[in-house]
C-alpha atoms as a PDB file:
ATOM      1  CA  MET A   1     -26.116 -96.953  10.507  1.00  0.00           C
ATOM      2  CA  ILE A   2     -22.748 -97.008   8.741  1.00  0.00           C
ATOM      3  CA  SER A   3     -22.539 -99.706   6.125  1.00  0.00           C
ATOM      4  CA  PHE A   4     -19.593-102.073   5.893  1.00  0.00           C
ATOM      5  CA  ARG A   5     -18.697-100.570   2.519  1.00  0.00           C
ATOM      6  CA  THR A   6     -18.579 -97.042   3.962  1.00  0.00           C
ATOM      7  CA  HIS A   7     -16.416 -98.293   6.810  1.00  0.00           C
ATOM      8  CA  VAL A   8     -13.928 -99.865   4.382  1.00  0.00           C
ATOM      9  CA  VAL A   9     -13.738 -96.684   2.261  1.00  0.00           C
ATOM     10  CA  THR A  10     -13.097 -94.646   5.397  1.00  0.00           C
ATOM     11  CA  LEU A  11     -10.268 -96.958   6.488  1.00  0.00           C
ATOM     12  CA  VAL A  12      -8.706 -96.818   3.009  1.00  0.00           C
ATOM     13  CA  ALA A  13      -8.854 -93.007   3.068  1.00  0.00           C
ATOM     14  CA  VAL A  14      -7.154 -92.946   6.472  1.00  0.00           C
ATOM     15  CA  PHE A  15      -4.374 -95.297   5.346  1.00  0.00           C
ATOM     16  CA  LEU A  16      -3.931 -93.265   2.129  1.00  0.00           C
ATOM     17  CA  ALA A  17      -3.639 -90.061   4.108  1.00  0.00           C
ATOM     18  CA  LEU A  18      -1.054 -91.674   6.369  1.00  0.00           C
ATOM     19  CA  ALA A  19       0.932 -92.883   3.363  1.00  0.00           C
ATOM     20  CA  VAL A  20       0.886 -89.440   1.740  1.00  0.00           C
ATOM     21  CA  GLY A  21       1.955 -87.915   5.037  1.00  0.00           C
ATOM     22  CA  VAL A  22       4.929 -90.265   5.270  1.00  0.00           C
ATOM     23  CA  VAL A  23       6.005 -89.510   1.693  1.00  0.00           C
ATOM     24  CA  LEU A  24       5.700 -85.752   2.104  1.00  0.00           C
ATOM     25  CA  GLY A  25       7.297 -85.832   5.508  1.00  0.00           C
ATOM     26  CA  GLY A  26      10.364 -87.568   4.093  1.00  0.00           C
ATOM     27  CA  GLY A  27      10.349 -85.547   0.870  1.00  0.00           C
ATOM     28  CA  PRO A  28       9.352 -82.009  -0.060  1.00  0.00           C
ATOM     29  CA  LEU A  29       7.789 -81.042   3.243  1.00  0.00           C
ATOM     30  CA  SER A  30      10.852 -82.220   5.136  1.00  0.00           C
ATOM     31  CA  GLU A  31      12.684 -79.217   3.616  1.00  0.00           C
ATOM     32  CA  VAL A  32      10.189 -76.569   4.728  1.00  0.00           C
ATOM     33  CA  GLY A  33      11.968 -75.559   7.910  1.00  0.00           C
ATOM     34  CA  ARG A  34      15.388 -76.127   6.385  1.00  0.00           C
ATOM     35  CA  GLY A  35      14.430 -73.969   3.357  1.00  0.00           C
ATOM     36  CA  THR A  36      13.914 -71.004   5.648  1.00  0.00           C
ATOM     37  CA  GLU A  37      17.324 -71.545   7.194  1.00  0.00           C
ATOM     38  CA  ASP A  38      18.924 -71.884   3.748  1.00  0.00           C
ATOM     39  CA  ALA A  39      17.235 -68.702   2.517  1.00  0.00           C
ATOM     40  CA  GLU A  40      18.535 -66.788   5.517  1.00  0.00           C
ATOM     41  CA  ALA A  41      22.051 -68.130   4.878  1.00  0.00           C
ATOM     42  CA  LEU A  42      21.842 -67.129   1.200  1.00  0.00           C
ATOM     43  CA  ARG A  43      20.675 -63.644   2.151  1.00  0.00           C
ATOM     44  CA  ALA A  44      23.597 -63.316   4.556  1.00  0.00           C
ATOM     45  CA  ASP A  45      26.059 -64.485   1.886  1.00  0.00           C
ATOM     46  CA  ALA A  46      24.591 -62.070  -0.663  1.00  0.00           C
ATOM     47  CA  SER A  47      24.801 -59.205   1.812  1.00  0.00           C
ATOM     48  CA  GLN A  48      28.445 -60.015   2.575  1.00  0.00           C
ATOM     49  CA  ALA A  49      29.296 -60.254  -1.136  1.00  0.00           C
ATOM     50  CA  ARG A  50      27.579 -56.920  -1.761  1.00  0.00           C
ATOM     51  CA  SER A  51      29.497 -55.290   1.081  1.00  0.00           C
ATOM     52  CA  GLU A  52      32.792 -56.682  -0.207  1.00  0.00           C
ATOM     53  CA  ALA A  53      32.045 -55.443  -3.740  1.00  0.00           C
ATOM     54  CA  GLU A  54      31.115 -51.984  -2.451  1.00  0.00           C
ATOM     55  CA  PHE A  55      34.302 -51.873  -0.372  1.00  0.00           C
ATOM     56  CA  GLY A  56      36.396 -52.863  -3.399  1.00  0.00           C
ATOM     57  CA  GLN A  57      34.740 -50.180  -5.520  1.00  0.00           C
ATOM     58  CA  SER A  58      35.179 -47.507  -2.872  1.00  0.00           C
ATOM     59  CA  PHE A  59      38.767 -48.538  -2.162  1.00  0.00           C
ATOM     60  CA  ALA A  60      39.719 -48.385  -5.841  1.00  0.00           C
ATOM     61  CA  ASP A  61      38.074 -44.985  -6.213  1.00  0.00           C
ATOM     62  CA  ASP A  62      39.805 -43.640  -3.105  1.00  0.00           C
ATOM     63  CA  VAL A  63      43.293 -44.801  -4.055  1.00  0.00           C
ATOM     64  CA  SER A  64      43.012 -44.131  -7.793  1.00  0.00           C
ATOM     65  CA  ALA A  65      44.275 -40.574  -7.482  1.00  0.00           C
ATOM     66  CA  THR A  66      47.388 -41.840  -5.669  1.00  0.00           C
ATOM     67  CA  LEU A  67      47.947 -44.760  -8.047  1.00  0.00           C
ATOM     68  CA  LEU A  68      47.286 -42.793 -11.209  1.00  0.00           C
ATOM     69  CA  GLY A  69      48.848 -39.487 -10.227  1.00  0.00           C
ATOM     70  CA  SER A  70      50.149 -37.929 -13.436  1.00  0.00           C
ATOM     71  CA  ARG A  71      51.286 -41.217 -14.990  1.00  0.00           C
ATOM     72  CA  LEU A  72      49.837 -40.239 -18.378  1.00  0.00           C
ATOM     73  CA  SER A  73      50.805 -36.575 -18.264  1.00  0.00           C
ATOM     74  CA  ASP A  74      51.433 -35.348 -21.832  1.00  0.00           C
ATOM     75  CA  ARG A  75      50.510 -38.796 -23.160  1.00  0.00           C
ATOM     76  CA  GLU A  76      47.868 -39.343 -25.819  1.00  0.00           C
ATOM     77  CA  VAL A  77      45.798 -42.496 -26.158  1.00  0.00           C
ATOM     78  CA  ALA A  78      43.663 -43.891 -28.973  1.00  0.00           C
ATOM     79  CA  VAL A  79      40.739 -45.980 -27.699  1.00  0.00           C
ATOM     80  CA  VAL A  80      39.505 -48.900 -29.821  1.00  0.00           C
ATOM     81  CA  THR A  81      36.415 -50.897 -28.873  1.00  0.00           C
ATOM     82  CA  LEU A  82      35.372 -54.384 -30.017  1.00  0.00           C
ATOM     83  CA  PRO A  83      31.720 -55.281 -30.695  1.00  0.00           C
ATOM     84  CA  GLY A  84      29.806 -55.674 -27.450  1.00  0.00           C
ATOM     85  CA  ALA A  85      32.146 -53.512 -25.375  1.00  0.00           C
ATOM     86  CA  ASP A  86      30.281 -52.083 -22.383  1.00  0.00           C
ATOM     87  CA  ALA A  87      29.744 -48.342 -22.876  1.00  0.00           C
ATOM     88  CA  LYS A  88      29.999 -47.733 -19.124  1.00  0.00           C
ATOM     89  CA  VAL A  89      33.354 -49.514 -18.998  1.00  0.00           C
ATOM     90  CA  VAL A  90      34.627 -47.442 -21.921  1.00  0.00           C
ATOM     91  CA  GLU A  91      33.402 -44.273 -20.232  1.00  0.00           C
ATOM     92  CA  GLY A  92      35.055 -45.243 -16.936  1.00  0.00           C
ATOM     93  CA  LEU A  93      38.371 -45.999 -18.631  1.00  0.00           C
ATOM     94  CA  THR A  94      38.247 -42.728 -20.566  1.00  0.00           C
ATOM     95  CA  GLU A  95      37.607 -40.784 -17.362  1.00  0.00           C
ATOM     96  CA  ARG A  96      40.542 -42.462 -15.622  1.00  0.00           C
ATOM     97  CA  ILE A  97      42.831 -41.707 -18.565  1.00  0.00           C
ATOM     98  CA  ALA A  98      41.921 -38.058 -18.132  1.00  0.00           C
ATOM     99  CA  ALA A  99      42.406 -38.310 -14.353  1.00  0.00           C
ATOM    100  CA  ALA A 100      45.951 -39.572 -14.979  1.00  0.00           C
ATOM    101  CA  GLY A 101      46.706 -36.564 -17.162  1.00  0.00           C
ATOM    102  CA  GLY A 102      46.205 -38.291 -20.513  1.00  0.00           C
ATOM    103  CA  LYS A 103      44.203 -37.274 -23.559  1.00  0.00           C
ATOM    104  CA  VAL A 104      42.076 -39.461 -25.821  1.00  0.00           C
ATOM    105  CA  THR A 105      42.712 -38.685 -29.500  1.00  0.00           C
ATOM    106  CA  VAL A 106      39.895 -40.836 -30.892  1.00  0.00           C
ATOM    107  CA  THR A 107      37.403 -43.504 -29.866  1.00  0.00           C
ATOM    108  CA  GLN A 108      37.100 -45.972 -32.718  1.00  0.00           C
ATOM    109  CA  SER A 109      34.685 -48.910 -32.742  1.00  0.00           C
ATOM    110  CA  ILE A 110      35.454 -52.017 -34.780  1.00  0.00           C
ATOM    111  CA  GLY A 111      32.522 -53.165 -36.890  1.00  0.00           C
ATOM    112  CA  SER A 112      31.004 -56.593 -36.396  1.00  0.00           C
ATOM    113  CA  SER A 113      31.903 -57.527 -39.999  1.00  0.00           C
ATOM    114  CA  LEU A 114      35.609 -57.365 -39.203  1.00  0.00           C
ATOM    115  CA  VAL A 115      35.347 -60.145 -36.610  1.00  0.00           C
ATOM    116  CA  ASN A 116      32.892 -62.249 -38.625  1.00  0.00           C
ATOM    117  CA  GLU A 117      34.703 -65.218 -40.183  1.00  0.00           C
ATOM    118  CA  GLY A 118      32.198 -65.112 -43.052  1.00  0.00           C
ATOM    119  CA  GLU A 119      33.684 -61.777 -44.160  1.00  0.00           C
ATOM    120  CA  LYS A 120      37.292 -62.962 -44.318  1.00  0.00           C
ATOM    121  CA  SER A 121      37.418 -62.627 -48.105  1.00  0.00           C
ATOM    122  CA  LEU A 122      36.388 -58.973 -47.847  1.00  0.00           C
ATOM    123  CA  VAL A 123      38.923 -58.326 -45.079  1.00  0.00           C
ATOM    124  CA  ASP A 124      41.672 -59.985 -47.093  1.00  0.00           C
ATOM    125  CA  THR A 125      40.905 -58.270 -50.414  1.00  0.00           C
ATOM    126  CA  LEU A 126      40.474 -54.797 -48.941  1.00  0.00           C
ATOM    127  CA  GLY A 127      43.565 -55.228 -46.790  1.00  0.00           C
ATOM    128  CA  SER A 128      45.643 -56.056 -49.855  1.00  0.00           C
ATOM    129  CA  GLN A 129      44.290 -53.043 -51.730  1.00  0.00           C
ATOM    130  CA  LEU A 130      44.923 -50.606 -48.875  1.00  0.00           C
ATOM    131  CA  MET A 131      48.386 -52.010 -48.218  1.00  0.00           C
ATOM    132  CA  ALA A 132      49.328 -51.445 -51.881  1.00  0.00           C
ATOM    133  CA  GLN A 133      48.625 -47.710 -51.461  1.00  0.00           C
ATOM    134  CA  LEU A 134      51.061 -47.325 -48.547  1.00  0.00           C
ATOM    135  CA  PRO A 135      54.827 -46.807 -48.511  1.00  0.00           C
ATOM    136  CA  ASP A 136      56.974 -49.924 -48.326  1.00  0.00           C
ATOM    137  CA  GLY A 137      57.300 -51.167 -44.763  1.00  0.00           C
ATOM    138  CA  ALA A 138      54.174 -49.395 -43.491  1.00  0.00           C
ATOM    139  CA  VAL A 139      52.535 -52.803 -43.144  1.00  0.00           C
ATOM    140  CA  THR A 140      54.400 -56.082 -42.714  1.00  0.00           C
ATOM    141  CA  ASP A 141      54.840 -58.099 -45.912  1.00  0.00           C
ATOM    142  CA  GLY A 142      53.435 -61.590 -45.513  1.00  0.00           C
ATOM    143  CA  ALA A 143      51.249 -60.723 -42.506  1.00  0.00           C
ATOM    144  CA  SER A 144      48.152 -62.872 -42.081  1.00  0.00           C
ATOM    145  CA  THR A 145      44.751 -61.470 -43.081  1.00  0.00           C
ATOM    146  CA  TYR A 146      43.827 -60.280 -39.593  1.00  0.00           C
ATOM    147  CA  GLU A 147      47.294 -59.207 -38.511  1.00  0.00           C
ATOM    148  CA  ARG A 148      47.396 -57.022 -41.618  1.00  0.00           C
ATOM    149  CA  ALA A 149      43.936 -55.628 -40.784  1.00  0.00           C
ATOM    150  CA  GLY A 150      45.153 -54.856 -37.272  1.00  0.00           C
ATOM    151  CA  GLU A 151      48.251 -53.146 -38.654  1.00  0.00           C
ATOM    152  CA  LEU A 152      46.103 -51.023 -40.961  1.00  0.00           C
ATOM    153  CA  ILE A 153      43.902 -49.944 -38.061  1.00  0.00           C
ATOM    154  CA  GLY A 154      47.006 -49.165 -36.035  1.00  0.00           C
ATOM    155  CA  PHE A 155      48.493 -47.204 -38.954  1.00  0.00           C
ATOM    156  CA  SER A 156      45.341 -45.074 -39.130  1.00  0.00           C
ATOM    157  CA  LEU A 157      45.336 -43.980 -35.486  1.00  0.00           C
ATOM    158  CA  ALA A 158      48.681 -44.768 -33.818  1.00  0.00           C
ATOM    159  CA  ASN A 159      52.426 -44.511 -34.192  1.00  0.00           C
ATOM    160  CA  SER A 160      55.416 -46.065 -32.447  1.00  0.00           C
ATOM    161  CA  GLY A 161      57.188 -42.829 -31.580  1.00  0.00           C
ATOM    162  CA  GLU A 162      57.385 -40.873 -28.350  1.00  0.00           C
ATOM    163  CA  LYS A 163      54.681 -38.338 -29.203  1.00  0.00           C
ATOM    164  CA  SER A 164      51.531 -38.136 -31.246  1.00  0.00           C
ATOM    165  CA  VAL A 165      51.996 -37.273 -34.898  1.00  0.00           C
ATOM    166  CA  ALA A 166      49.579 -35.666 -37.297  1.00  0.00           C
ATOM    167  CA  SER A 167      47.363 -37.814 -39.479  1.00  0.00           C
ATOM    168  CA  THR A 168      48.536 -38.122 -43.073  1.00  0.00           C
ATOM    169  CA  PRO A 169      46.554 -38.450 -46.298  1.00  0.00           C
ATOM    170  CA  GLN A 170      47.498 -42.150 -46.306  1.00  0.00           C
ATOM    171  CA  SER A 171      46.383 -42.814 -42.718  1.00  0.00           C
ATOM    172  CA  THR A 172      43.124 -40.960 -43.347  1.00  0.00           C
ATOM    173  CA  ALA A 173      42.540 -42.913 -46.565  1.00  0.00           C
ATOM    174  CA  VAL A 174      43.067 -46.209 -44.711  1.00  0.00           C
ATOM    175  CA  ALA A 175      40.508 -45.243 -42.051  1.00  0.00           C
ATOM    176  CA  GLU A 176      38.019 -44.117 -44.681  1.00  0.00           C
ATOM    177  CA  GLY A 177      38.505 -47.341 -46.660  1.00  0.00           C
ATOM    178  CA  LEU A 178      37.887 -49.521 -43.602  1.00  0.00           C
ATOM    179  CA  ARG A 179      34.833 -47.472 -42.621  1.00  0.00           C
ATOM    180  CA  GLY A 180      33.483 -47.544 -46.168  1.00  0.00           C
ATOM    181  CA  ALA A 181      33.496 -51.344 -46.022  1.00  0.00           C
ATOM    182  CA  ASN A 182      31.841 -51.286 -42.570  1.00  0.00           C
ATOM    183  CA  LEU A 183      34.892 -52.905 -41.010  1.00  0.00           C
ATOM    184  CA  LEU A 184      35.193 -49.846 -38.778  1.00  0.00           C
ATOM    185  CA  ASP A 185      32.236 -47.850 -37.484  1.00  0.00           C
ATOM    186  CA  ALA A 186      31.902 -44.156 -38.191  1.00  0.00           C
ATOM    187  CA  ALA A 187      34.024 -41.972 -35.900  1.00  0.00           C
ATOM    188  CA  ASP A 188      35.509 -38.526 -35.676  1.00  0.00           C
ATOM    189  CA  ASP A 189      38.915 -38.157 -37.279  1.00  0.00           C
ATOM    190  CA  PRO A 190      41.685 -38.547 -34.672  1.00  0.00           C
ATOM    191  CA  SER A 191      43.316 -35.369 -33.401  1.00  0.00           C
ATOM    192  CA  GLY A 192      46.613 -37.190 -33.924  1.00  0.00           C
ATOM    193  CA  ARG A 193      48.083 -40.650 -34.235  1.00  0.00           C
ATOM    194  CA  ALA A 194      48.782 -41.572 -30.624  1.00  0.00           C
ATOM    195  CA  PRO A 195      51.709 -43.579 -29.250  1.00  0.00           C
ATOM    196  CA  LEU A 196      49.440 -45.510 -26.867  1.00  0.00           C
ATOM    197  CA  VAL A 197      46.378 -47.587 -27.712  1.00  0.00           C
ATOM    198  CA  LEU A 198      43.736 -48.966 -25.355  1.00  0.00           C
ATOM    199  CA  VAL A 199      41.602 -51.777 -26.799  1.00  0.00           C
ATOM    200  CA  VAL A 200      38.400 -52.588 -24.910  1.00  0.00           C
ATOM    201  CA  LEU A 201      37.056 -56.090 -25.527  1.00  0.00           C
ATOM    202  CA  GLY A 202      33.371 -56.956 -25.541  1.00  0.00           C
ATOM    203  CA  ASP A 203      31.670 -60.146 -26.685  1.00  0.00           C
ATOM    204  CA  GLU A 204      33.885 -63.097 -27.449  1.00  0.00           C
ATOM    205  CA  VAL A 205      34.662 -63.497 -31.135  1.00  0.00           C
ATOM    206  CA  THR A 206      33.010 -66.710 -32.284  1.00  0.00           C
ATOM    207  CA  GLY A 207      33.165 -69.056 -35.269  1.00  0.00           C
ATOM    208  CA  ASP A 208      35.963 -70.873 -37.032  1.00  0.00           C
ATOM    209  CA  GLY A 209      39.364 -69.403 -36.221  1.00  0.00           C
ATOM    210  CA  ALA A 210      37.867 -66.961 -33.722  1.00  0.00           C
ATOM    211  CA  ASP A 211      40.986 -66.797 -31.544  1.00  0.00           C
ATOM    212  CA  ALA A 212      43.152 -66.225 -34.622  1.00  0.00           C
ATOM    213  CA  ILE A 213      40.892 -63.354 -35.715  1.00  0.00           C
ATOM    214  CA  LEU A 214      41.046 -61.538 -32.387  1.00  0.00           C
ATOM    215  CA  GLY A 215      44.682 -62.373 -31.726  1.00  0.00           C
ATOM    216  CA  GLY A 216      45.669 -61.231 -35.221  1.00  0.00           C
ATOM    217  CA  LEU A 217      43.903 -57.892 -34.865  1.00  0.00           C
ATOM    218  CA  LEU A 218      45.472 -57.208 -31.469  1.00  0.00           C
ATOM    219  CA  THR A 219      48.937 -58.305 -32.557  1.00  0.00           C
ATOM    220  CA  GLY A 220      48.720 -56.155 -35.673  1.00  0.00           C
ATOM    221  CA  MET A 221      47.583 -53.050 -33.813  1.00  0.00           C
ATOM    222  CA  ALA A 222      50.276 -53.534 -31.158  1.00  0.00           C
ATOM    223  CA  SER A 223      52.975 -53.611 -33.830  1.00  0.00           C
ATOM    224  CA  GLN A 224      52.019 -50.092 -34.957  1.00  0.00           C
ATOM    225  CA  ALA A 225      51.934 -48.480 -31.513  1.00  0.00           C
ATOM    226  CA  ARG A 226      54.527 -47.694 -28.896  1.00  0.00           C
ATOM    227  CA  GLY A 227      52.360 -49.475 -26.359  1.00  0.00           C
ATOM    228  CA  LEU A 228      49.001 -51.244 -26.459  1.00  0.00           C
ATOM    229  CA  VAL A 229      46.836 -52.451 -23.579  1.00  0.00           C
ATOM    230  CA  VAL A 230      43.894 -54.819 -23.903  1.00  0.00           C
ATOM    231  CA  ALA A 231      41.213 -54.176 -21.260  1.00  0.00           C
ATOM    232  CA  ALA A 232      38.639 -56.922 -20.833  1.00  0.00           C
ATOM    233  CA  PRO A 233      35.940 -58.146 -18.448  1.00  0.00           C
ATOM    234  CA  THR A 234      37.078 -60.647 -15.840  1.00  0.00           C
ATOM    235  CA  ALA A 235      38.497 -63.608 -17.751  1.00  0.00           C
ATOM    236  CA  ASP A 236      37.431 -66.975 -16.390  1.00  0.00           C
ATOM    237  CA  GLU A 237      39.539 -70.021 -17.093  1.00  0.00           C
ATOM    238  CA  GLY A 238      39.076 -71.236 -20.645  1.00  0.00           C
ATOM    239  CA  GLN A 239      37.549 -68.041 -21.981  1.00  0.00           C
ATOM    240  CA  GLN A 240      38.958 -66.360 -25.084  1.00  0.00           C
ATOM    241  CA  LEU A 241      41.326 -63.912 -23.374  1.00  0.00           C
ATOM    242  CA  ASP A 242      42.575 -66.688 -21.118  1.00  0.00           C
ATOM    243  CA  ARG A 243      43.310 -68.859 -24.161  1.00  0.00           C
ATOM    244  CA  LEU A 244      45.128 -66.044 -25.970  1.00  0.00           C
ATOM    245  CA  ARG A 245      47.217 -65.384 -22.876  1.00  0.00           C
ATOM    246  CA  GLU A 246      48.203 -69.032 -22.570  1.00  0.00           C
ATOM    247  CA  ASP A 247      49.016 -69.330 -26.275  1.00  0.00           C
ATOM    248  CA  ASP A 248      51.027 -66.076 -26.434  1.00  0.00           C
ATOM    249  CA  GLY A 249      48.449 -64.849 -28.930  1.00  0.00           C
ATOM    250  CA  LEU A 250      48.633 -61.166 -27.968  1.00  0.00           C
ATOM    251  CA  GLY A 251      51.996 -60.229 -29.425  1.00  0.00           C
ATOM    252  CA  ASP A 252      53.474 -57.249 -27.571  1.00  0.00           C
ATOM    253  CA  ALA A 253      50.116 -56.249 -26.097  1.00  0.00           C
ATOM    254  CA  THR A 254      49.622 -55.989 -22.346  1.00  0.00           C
ATOM    255  CA  SER A 255      46.355 -57.477 -21.060  1.00  0.00           C
ATOM    256  CA  VAL A 256      44.289 -56.449 -18.034  1.00  0.00           C
ATOM    257  CA  ASP A 257      41.034 -58.203 -17.142  1.00  0.00           C
ATOM    258  CA  GLY A 258      38.442 -57.134 -14.585  1.00  0.00           C
ATOM    259  CA  ALA A 259      37.752 -53.873 -16.464  1.00  0.00           C
ATOM    260  CA  GLU A 260      34.129 -53.903 -15.332  1.00  0.00           C
ATOM    261  CA  THR A 261      35.382 -52.956 -11.852  1.00  0.00           C
ATOM    262  CA  ALA A 262      36.974 -49.741 -10.629  1.00  0.00           C
ATOM    263  CA  ALA A 263      40.085 -51.683  -9.624  1.00  0.00           C
ATOM    264  CA  GLY A 264      40.410 -53.177 -13.120  1.00  0.00           C
ATOM    265  CA  GLN A 265      40.053 -49.769 -14.747  1.00  0.00           C
ATOM    266  CA  VAL A 266      42.756 -48.284 -12.537  1.00  0.00           C
ATOM    267  CA  ALA A 267      45.019 -51.245 -13.331  1.00  0.00           C
ATOM    268  CA  ALA A 268      44.417 -50.773 -17.075  1.00  0.00           C
ATOM    269  CA  VAL A 269      45.453 -47.119 -16.950  1.00  0.00           C
ATOM    270  CA  VAL A 270      48.548 -47.942 -14.879  1.00  0.00           C
ATOM    271  CA  ALA A 271      49.360 -50.589 -17.507  1.00  0.00           C
ATOM    272  CA  LEU A 272      48.970 -47.965 -20.236  1.00  0.00           C
ATOM    273  CA  ALA A 273      51.550 -45.770 -18.539  1.00  0.00           C
ATOM    274  CA  ARG A 274      53.876 -48.760 -18.158  1.00  0.00           C
ATOM    275  CA  SER A 275      53.464 -49.746 -21.814  1.00  0.00           C
ATOM    276  CA  TYR A 276      55.166 -46.533 -22.908  1.00  0.00           C
ATOM    277  CA  ASP A 277      58.473 -48.182 -21.978  1.00  0.00           C
ATOM    278  CA  THR A 278      57.635 -51.830 -21.219  1.00  0.00           C
ATOM    279  CA  GLN A 279      55.386 -54.018 -23.339  1.00  0.00           C
ATOM    280  CA  GLY A 280      53.613 -57.276 -22.565  1.00  0.00           C
ATOM    281  CA  GLY A 281      52.386 -58.821 -19.353  1.00  0.00           C
ATOM    282  CA  SER A 282      49.160 -60.243 -17.987  1.00  0.00           C
ATOM    283  CA  PHE A 283      47.461 -58.334 -15.162  1.00  0.00           C
ATOM    284  CA  GLY A 284      44.086 -57.888 -13.516  1.00  0.00           C
ATOM    285  CA  ALA A 285      41.663 -60.245 -11.795  1.00  0.00           C
ATOM    286  CA  GLY A 286      43.129 -63.304 -13.549  1.00  0.00           C
ATOM    287  CA  GLY A 287      46.501 -61.970 -14.584  1.00  0.00           C
ATOM    288  CA  ALA A 288      49.506 -64.263 -14.243  1.00  0.00           C
ATOM    289  CA  ASP A 289      51.782 -61.299 -13.533  1.00  0.00           C
ATOM    290  CA  GLY A 290      49.732 -59.768 -10.740  1.00  0.00           C
ATOM    291  CA  THR A 291      46.755 -57.485 -10.335  1.00  0.00           C
ATOM    292  CA  VAL A 292      48.438 -54.225 -11.305  1.00  0.00           C
ATOM    293  CA  PRO A 293      51.853 -53.440 -12.870  1.00  0.00           C
ATOM    294  CA  LEU A 294      53.312 -51.260 -10.141  1.00  0.00           C
ATOM    295  CA  GLY A 295      56.947 -50.198 -10.100  1.00  0.00           C
END
């Protein structure tokens, strides 16, 4: 015979089960069926995004030969990479330079010390010493620490004329001095000082005055070349490249973002060809002047 106490416990258990059922039914368990629908929708969206990305890649590859043509025929390009630059992006850009008829004279990586604000004293002191060994006017008097460093890098691998020129004892000494201080990474000597420079950005420069460091280097390099193009990953609003674009912090450099894509790489090489005669402009995925500088 069931005792009164057992009967009460049973009733309490039933009511508790009902209460839990109500809570779960209006909470987590209410999303069970909907979760399946949401997952299917997410899978469909992901599939569509993947198809669109594959189409964009294939389209850019298919039209690159037409867009690039021989735009860089008889043109030489020095490639400079910032710390964190994606090796695959650099490789893709180099291949497209060759596809457009161009030749890479050197691939030079900038050392992490050069963009570290803690090493500014070293950058400033060495820059002053190297500048003193050069002819008057080779580097701008009164240039800021990082503009001067950019000019010295540009002096070592570029020139502002129509054709490449041979390296000189002074340009070689500048490169060796910067490498000796680990401001530039080791690299093969350039086959010539090229009129065009392609700078590939990587990680954002951080720390106090970070934008001034990067902007100074790019402005300085651009002043030593006939044309300079900055190729960067897609620049979201508020990121470093976006800020430099808005603040006119790139000097005469042309910028192209979206370089992680085939379309961005094609646009960067077209911009290189354009920079031989026309400097400046903002192109690419977030460029204010359009996706690619045609015409």
